PDB file of N, CA and C in Angstrom:
ATOM      1  N   MET A   1       0.820  -1.193   0.000  1.00  0.00           N
ATOM      2  CA  MET A   1       0.000   0.000   0.000  1.00  0.00           C
ATOM      3  C   MET A   1       0.864   1.257   0.000  1.00  0.00           C
ATOM      4  N   GLU A   2       1.949   1.222   0.763  1.00  0.00           N
ATOM      5  CA  GLU A   2       2.824   2.392   0.828  1.00  0.00           C
ATOM      6  C   GLU A   2       3.498   2.641  -0.514  1.00  0.00           C
ATOM      7  N   LEU A   3       3.827   1.563  -1.221  1.00  0.00           N
ATOM      8  CA  LEU A   3       4.455   1.703  -2.532  1.00  0.00           C
ATOM      9  C   LEU A   3       3.488   2.355  -3.518  1.00  0.00           C
ATOM     10  N   THR A   4       2.233   1.992  -3.464  1.00  0.00           N
ATOM     11  CA  THR A   4       1.225   2.572  -4.348  1.00  0.00           C
ATOM     12  C   THR A   4       1.067   4.063  -4.070  1.00  0.00           C
ATOM     13  N   ASP A   5       1.083   4.441  -2.816  1.00  0.00           N
ATOM     14  CA  ASP A   5       0.978   5.863  -2.463  1.00  0.00           C
ATOM     15  C   ASP A   5       2.175   6.649  -3.008  1.00  0.00           C
ATOM     16  N   ALA A   6       3.351   6.060  -2.912  1.00  0.00           N
ATOM     17  CA  ALA A   6       4.549   6.729  -3.413  1.00  0.00           C
ATOM     18  C   ALA A   6       4.485   6.885  -4.932  1.00  0.00           C
ATOM     19  N   VAL A   7       3.995   5.864  -5.608  1.00  0.00           N
ATOM     20  CA  VAL A   7       3.867   5.927  -7.064  1.00  0.00           C
ATOM     21  C   VAL A   7       2.856   6.999  -7.456  1.00  0.00           C
ATOM     22  N   VAL A   8       1.751   7.088  -6.749  1.00  0.00           N
ATOM     23  CA  VAL A   8       0.736   8.103  -7.031  1.00  0.00           C
ATOM     24  C   VAL A   8       1.317   9.508  -6.830  1.00  0.00           C
ATOM     25  N   VAL A   9       2.070   9.684  -5.759  1.00  0.00           N
ATOM     26  CA  VAL A   9       2.679  10.989  -5.494  1.00  0.00           C
ATOM     27  C   VAL A   9       3.659  11.350  -6.608  1.00  0.00           C
ATOM     28  N   VAL A  10       4.484  10.411  -7.025  1.00  0.00           N
ATOM     29  CA  VAL A  10       5.445  10.663  -8.097  1.00  0.00           C
ATOM     30  C   VAL A  10       4.710  11.019  -9.392  1.00  0.00           C
ATOM     31  N   LEU A  11       3.655  10.298  -9.721  1.00  0.00           N
ATOM     32  CA  LEU A  11       2.896  10.593 -10.933  1.00  0.00           C
ATOM     33  C   LEU A  11       2.240  11.965 -10.868  1.00  0.00           C
ATOM     34  N   LEU A  12       1.743  12.334  -9.712  1.00  0.00           N
ATOM     35  CA  LEU A  12       1.137  13.663  -9.568  1.00  0.00           C
ATOM     36  C   LEU A  12       2.178  14.767  -9.734  1.00  0.00           C
ATOM     37  N   VAL A  13       3.354  14.576  -9.152  1.00  0.00           N
ATOM     38  CA  VAL A  13       4.417  15.577  -9.276  1.00  0.00           C
ATOM     39  C   VAL A  13       4.864  15.693 -10.730  1.00  0.00           C
ATOM     40  N   VAL A  14       5.048  14.556 -11.393  1.00  0.00           N
ATOM     41  CA  VAL A  14       5.443  14.574 -12.804  1.00  0.00           C
ATOM     42  C   VAL A  14       4.356  15.232 -13.646  1.00  0.00           C
ATOM     43  N   GLY A  15       3.108  14.925 -13.370  1.00  0.00           N
ATOM     44  CA  GLY A  15       1.994  15.537 -14.096  1.00  0.00           C
ATOM     45  C   GLY A  15       1.910  17.033 -13.861  1.00  0.00           C
ATOM     46  N   PHE A  16       2.266  17.455 -12.669  1.00  0.00           N
ATOM     47  CA  PHE A  16       2.232  18.884 -12.344  1.00  0.00           C
ATOM     48  C   PHE A  16       3.315  19.655 -13.091  1.00  0.00           C
ATOM     49  N   PHE A  17       4.506  19.048 -13.201  1.00  0.00           N
ATOM     50  CA  PHE A  17       5.629  19.728 -13.838  1.00  0.00           C
ATOM     51  C   PHE A  17       5.746  19.448 -15.335  1.00  0.00           C
ATOM     52  N   ALA A  18       4.919  18.597 -15.905  1.00  0.00           N
ATOM     53  CA  ALA A  18       5.027  18.239 -17.317  1.00  0.00           C
ATOM     54  C   ALA A  18       4.921  19.449 -18.248  1.00  0.00           C
ATOM     55  N   PRO A  19       3.965  20.365 -18.082  1.00  0.00           N
ATOM     56  CA  PRO A  19       3.907  21.515 -18.999  1.00  0.00           C
ATOM     57  C   PRO A  19       5.153  22.391 -18.927  1.00  0.00           C
ATOM     58  N   ALA A  20       5.667  22.606 -17.734  1.00  0.00           N
ATOM     59  CA  ALA A  20       6.871  23.420 -17.591  1.00  0.00           C
ATOM     60  C   ALA A  20       8.074  22.732 -18.238  1.00  0.00           C
ATOM     61  N   LEU A  21       8.186  21.425 -18.058  1.00  0.00           N
ATOM     62  CA  LEU A  21       9.287  20.687 -18.675  1.00  0.00           C
ATOM     63  C   LEU A  21       9.171  20.699 -20.190  1.00  0.00           C
ATOM     64  N   SER A  22       7.964  20.620 -20.699  1.00  0.00           N
ATOM     65  CA  SER A  22       7.750  20.669 -22.143  1.00  0.00           C
ATOM     66  C   SER A  22       8.193  22.015 -22.704  1.00  0.00           C
ATOM     67  N   LYS A  23       7.842  23.091 -22.021  1.00  0.00           N
ATOM     68  CA  LYS A  23       8.263  24.428 -22.467  1.00  0.00           C
ATOM     69  C   LYS A  23       9.772  24.575 -22.387  1.00  0.00           C
ATOM     70  N   LEU A  24      10.390  24.000 -21.360  1.00  0.00           N
ATOM     71  CA  LEU A  24      11.841  24.061 -21.216  1.00  0.00           C
ATOM     72  C   LEU A  24      12.530  23.333 -22.362  1.00  0.00           C
ATOM     73  N   VAL A  25      12.043  22.159 -22.697  1.00  0.00           N
ATOM     74  CA  VAL A  25      12.633  21.387 -23.794  1.00  0.00           C
ATOM     75  C   VAL A  25      12.471  22.136 -25.111  1.00  0.00           C
ATOM     76  N   THR A  26      11.313  22.741 -25.328  1.00  0.00           N
ATOM     77  CA  THR A  26      11.080  23.517 -26.547  1.00  0.00           C
ATOM     78  C   THR A  26      12.027  24.707 -26.609  1.00  0.00           C
ATOM     79  N   SER A  27      12.222  25.377 -25.491  1.00  0.00           N
ATOM     80  CA  SER A  27      13.112  26.527 -25.447  1.00  0.00           C
ATOM     81  C   SER A  27      14.556  26.127 -25.734  1.00  0.00           C
ATOM     82  N   VAL A  28      14.994  25.040 -25.161  1.00  0.00           N
ATOM     83  CA  VAL A  28      16.358  24.563 -25.380  1.00  0.00           C
ATOM     84  C   VAL A  28      16.545  24.178 -26.843  1.00  0.00           C
ATOM     85  N   ALA A  29      15.551  23.518 -27.417  1.00  0.00           N
ATOM     86  CA  ALA A  29      15.639  23.131 -28.823  1.00  0.00           C
ATOM     87  C   ALA A  29      15.722  24.366 -29.716  1.00  0.00           C
ATOM     88  N   PHE A  30      14.943  25.390 -29.401  1.00  0.00           N
ATOM     89  CA  PHE A  30      14.979  26.628 -30.178  1.00  0.00           C
ATOM     90  C   PHE A  30      16.356  27.277 -30.103  1.00  0.00           C
ATOM     91  N   ARG A  31      16.928  27.306 -28.917  1.00  0.00           N
ATOM     92  CA  ARG A  31      18.258  27.915 -28.748  1.00  0.00           C
ATOM     93  C   ARG A  31      19.322  27.140 -29.516  1.00  0.00           C
ATOM     94  N   ILE A  32      19.221  25.826 -29.530  1.00  0.00           N
ATOM     95  CA  ILE A  32      20.192  25.008 -30.260  1.00  0.00           C
ATOM     96  C   ILE A  32      20.073  25.268 -31.758  1.00  0.00           C
ATOM     97  N   ARG A  33      18.827  25.324 -32.270  1.00  0.00           N
ATOM     98  CA  ARG A  33      18.635  25.619 -33.694  1.00  0.00           C
ATOM     99  C   ARG A  33      19.158  27.006 -34.048  1.00  0.00           C
ATOM    100  N   ALA A  34      18.875  27.988 -33.191  1.00  0.00           N
ATOM    101  CA  ALA A  34      19.339  29.357 -33.449  1.00  0.00           C
ATOM    102  C   ALA A  34      20.859  29.428 -33.442  1.00  0.00           C
ATOM    103  N   ALA A  35      21.492  28.714 -32.545  1.00  0.00           N
ATOM    104  CA  ALA A  35      22.957  28.709 -32.498  1.00  0.00           C
ATOM    105  C   ALA A  35      23.530  28.072 -33.766  1.00  0.00           C
ATOM    106  N   GLY A  36      22.891  27.028 -34.251  1.00  0.00           N
ATOM    107  CA  GLY A  36      23.333  26.383 -35.485  1.00  0.00           C
ATOM    108  C   GLY A  36      23.195  27.308 -36.682  1.00  0.00           C
ATOM    109  N   LYS A  37      22.068  28.022 -36.765  1.00  0.00           N
ATOM    110  CA  LYS A  37      21.870  28.971 -37.866  1.00  0.00           C
ATOM    111  C   LYS A  37      22.893  30.096 -37.802  1.00  0.00           C
ATOM    112  N   ALA A  38      23.160  30.597 -36.603  1.00  0.00           N
ATOM    113  CA  ALA A  38      24.149  31.664 -36.451  1.00  0.00           C
ATOM    114  C   ALA A  38      25.526  31.184 -36.876  1.00  0.00           C
ATOM    115  N   GLU A  39      25.858  29.953 -36.548  1.00  0.00           N
ATOM    116  CA  GLU A  39      27.156  29.396 -36.940  1.00  0.00           C
ATOM    117  C   GLU A  39      27.256  29.295 -38.459  1.00  0.00           C
ATOM    118  N   MET A  40      26.171  28.907 -39.117  1.00  0.00           N
ATOM    119  CA  MET A  40      26.170  28.827 -40.579  1.00  0.00           C
ATOM    120  C   MET A  40      26.347  30.217 -41.191  1.00  0.00           C
ATOM    121  N   ILE A  41      25.694  31.214 -40.630  1.00  0.00           N
ATOM    122  CA  ILE A  41      25.826  32.580 -41.139  1.00  0.00           C
ATOM    123  C   ILE A  41      27.248  33.083 -40.941  1.00  0.00           C
ATOM    124  N   ARG A  42      27.821  32.816 -39.764  1.00  0.00           N
ATOM    125  CA  ARG A  42      29.202  33.229 -39.518  1.00  0.00           C
ATOM    126  C   ARG A  42      30.166  32.537 -40.478  1.00  0.00           C
ATOM    127  N   ALA A  43      29.921  31.265 -40.752  1.00  0.00           N
ATOM    128  CA  ALA A  43      30.796  30.532 -41.673  1.00  0.00           C
ATOM    129  C   ALA A  43      30.680  31.105 -43.080  1.00  0.00           C
ATOM    130  N   LYS A  44      29.464  31.421 -43.497  1.00  0.00           N
ATOM    131  CA  LYS A  44      29.264  31.987 -44.828  1.00  0.00           C
ATOM    132  C   LYS A  44      29.917  33.359 -44.931  1.00  0.00           C
ATOM    133  N   THR A  45      29.801  34.177 -43.902  1.00  0.00           N
ATOM    134  CA  THR A  45      30.418  35.495 -43.884  1.00  0.00           C
ATOM    135  C   THR A  45      31.942  35.369 -43.903  1.00  0.00           C
ATOM    136  N   GLY A  46      32.450  34.405 -43.182  1.00  0.00           N
ATOM    137  CA  GLY A  46      33.895  34.179 -43.157  1.00  0.00           C
ATOM    138  C   GLY A  46      34.416  33.777 -44.524  1.00  0.00           C
ATOM    139  N   GLU A  47      33.670  32.975 -45.275  1.00  0.00           N
ATOM    140  CA  GLU A  47      34.077  32.581 -46.622  1.00  0.00           C
ATOM    141  C   GLU A  47      34.112  33.793 -47.536  1.00  0.00           C
ATOM    142  N   ALA A  48      33.116  34.657 -47.442  1.00  0.00           N
ATOM    143  CA  ALA A  48      33.060  35.847 -48.292  1.00  0.00           C
ATOM    144  C   ALA A  48      34.228  36.773 -47.971  1.00  0.00           C
ATOM    145  N   GLN A  49      34.550  36.918 -46.703  1.00  0.00           N
ATOM    146  CA  GLN A  49      35.660  37.779 -46.316  1.00  0.00           C
ATOM    147  C   GLN A  49      36.991  37.189 -46.772  1.00  0.00           C
ATOM    148  N   ALA A  50      37.100  35.882 -46.786  1.00  0.00           N
ATOM    149  CA  ALA A  50      38.327  35.236 -47.235  1.00  0.00           C
ATOM    150  C   ALA A  50      38.531  35.456 -48.735  1.00  0.00           C
ATOM    151  N   ARG A  51      37.442  35.541 -49.498  1.00  0.00           N
ATOM    152  CA  ARG A  51      37.537  35.785 -50.937  1.00  0.00           C
ATOM    153  C   ARG A  51      37.751  37.258 -51.243  1.00  0.00           C
ATOM    154  N   GLY A  52      37.658  38.117 -50.240  1.00  0.00           N
ATOM    155  CA  GLY A  52      37.883  39.535 -50.434  1.00  0.00           C
ATOM    156  C   GLY A  52      36.629  40.320 -50.762  1.00  0.00           C
ATOM    157  N   GLU A  53      35.461  39.711 -50.616  1.00  0.00           N
ATOM    158  CA  GLU A  53      34.219  40.422 -50.882  1.00  0.00           C
ATOM    159  C   GLU A  53      33.887  41.337 -49.719  1.00  0.00           C
ATOM    160  N   ARG A  54      33.272  42.455 -50.022  1.00  0.00           N
ATOM    161  CA  ARG A  54      32.869  43.381 -48.970  1.00  0.00           C
ATOM    162  C   ARG A  54      31.485  43.020 -48.493  1.00  0.00           C
ATOM    163  N   ARG A  55      31.241  43.301 -47.233  1.00  0.00           N
ATOM    164  CA  ARG A  55      29.918  43.062 -46.657  1.00  0.00           C
ATOM    165  C   ARG A  55      28.962  44.163 -47.058  1.00  0.00           C
ATOM    166  N   LYS A  56      27.735  43.791 -47.372  1.00  0.00           N
ATOM    167  CA  LYS A  56      26.707  44.764 -47.683  1.00  0.00           C
ATOM    168  C   LYS A  56      25.859  45.001 -46.452  1.00  0.00           C
ATOM    169  N   GLY A  57      25.360  46.222 -46.320  1.00  0.00           N
ATOM    170  CA  GLY A  57      24.472  46.527 -45.207  1.00  0.00           C
ATOM    171  C   GLY A  57      23.061  46.047 -45.479  1.00  0.00           C
ATOM    172  N   LYS A  58      22.145  46.427 -44.643  1.00  0.00           N
ATOM    173  CA  LYS A  58      20.751  46.010 -44.806  1.00  0.00           C
ATOM    174  C   LYS A  58      20.133  46.566 -46.079  1.00  0.00           C
ATOM    175  N   ARG A  59      20.602  47.730 -46.488  1.00  0.00           N
ATOM    176  CA  ARG A  59      20.024  48.366 -47.678  1.00  0.00           C
ATOM    177  C   ARG A  59      20.790  48.008 -48.940  1.00  0.00           C
ATOM    178  N   GLY A  60      21.774  47.161 -48.837  1.00  0.00           N
ATOM    179  CA  GLY A  60      22.551  46.817 -50.009  1.00  0.00           C
ATOM    180  C   GLY A  60      23.649  47.837 -50.256  1.00  0.00           C
ATOM    181  N   ARG A  61      24.149  47.835 -51.472  1.00  0.00           N
ATOM    182  CA  ARG A  61      25.236  48.751 -51.820  1.00  0.00           C
ATOM    183  C   ARG A  61      24.699  50.180 -51.948  1.00  0.00           C
ATOM    184  N   ARG A  62      25.411  51.109 -51.357  1.00  0.00           N
ATOM    185  CA  ARG A  62      25.008  52.508 -51.449  1.00  0.00           C
ATOM    186  C   ARG A  62      25.808  53.191 -52.555  1.00  0.00           C
ATOM    187  N   GLY A  63      25.146  54.109 -53.243  1.00  0.00           N
ATOM    188  CA  GLY A  63      25.786  54.774 -54.366  1.00  0.00           C
ATOM    189  C   GLY A  63      26.476  55.975 -54.068  1.00  0.00           C
TER     190      GLY A  63
END
């Protein structure tokens, strides 16, 4: 009987924290994807700089 009570308590605690854990996992996954995209952008920028190309601003080349 005591084991069943402990299992019920554990399930209730897990059920209580499940939404928060889900949001945490989603947030971590988003940060990992964003870091990967940033690394790809940095690598692409580094290749352009190695070839001697100039960086363009948000508005492109100014005249």
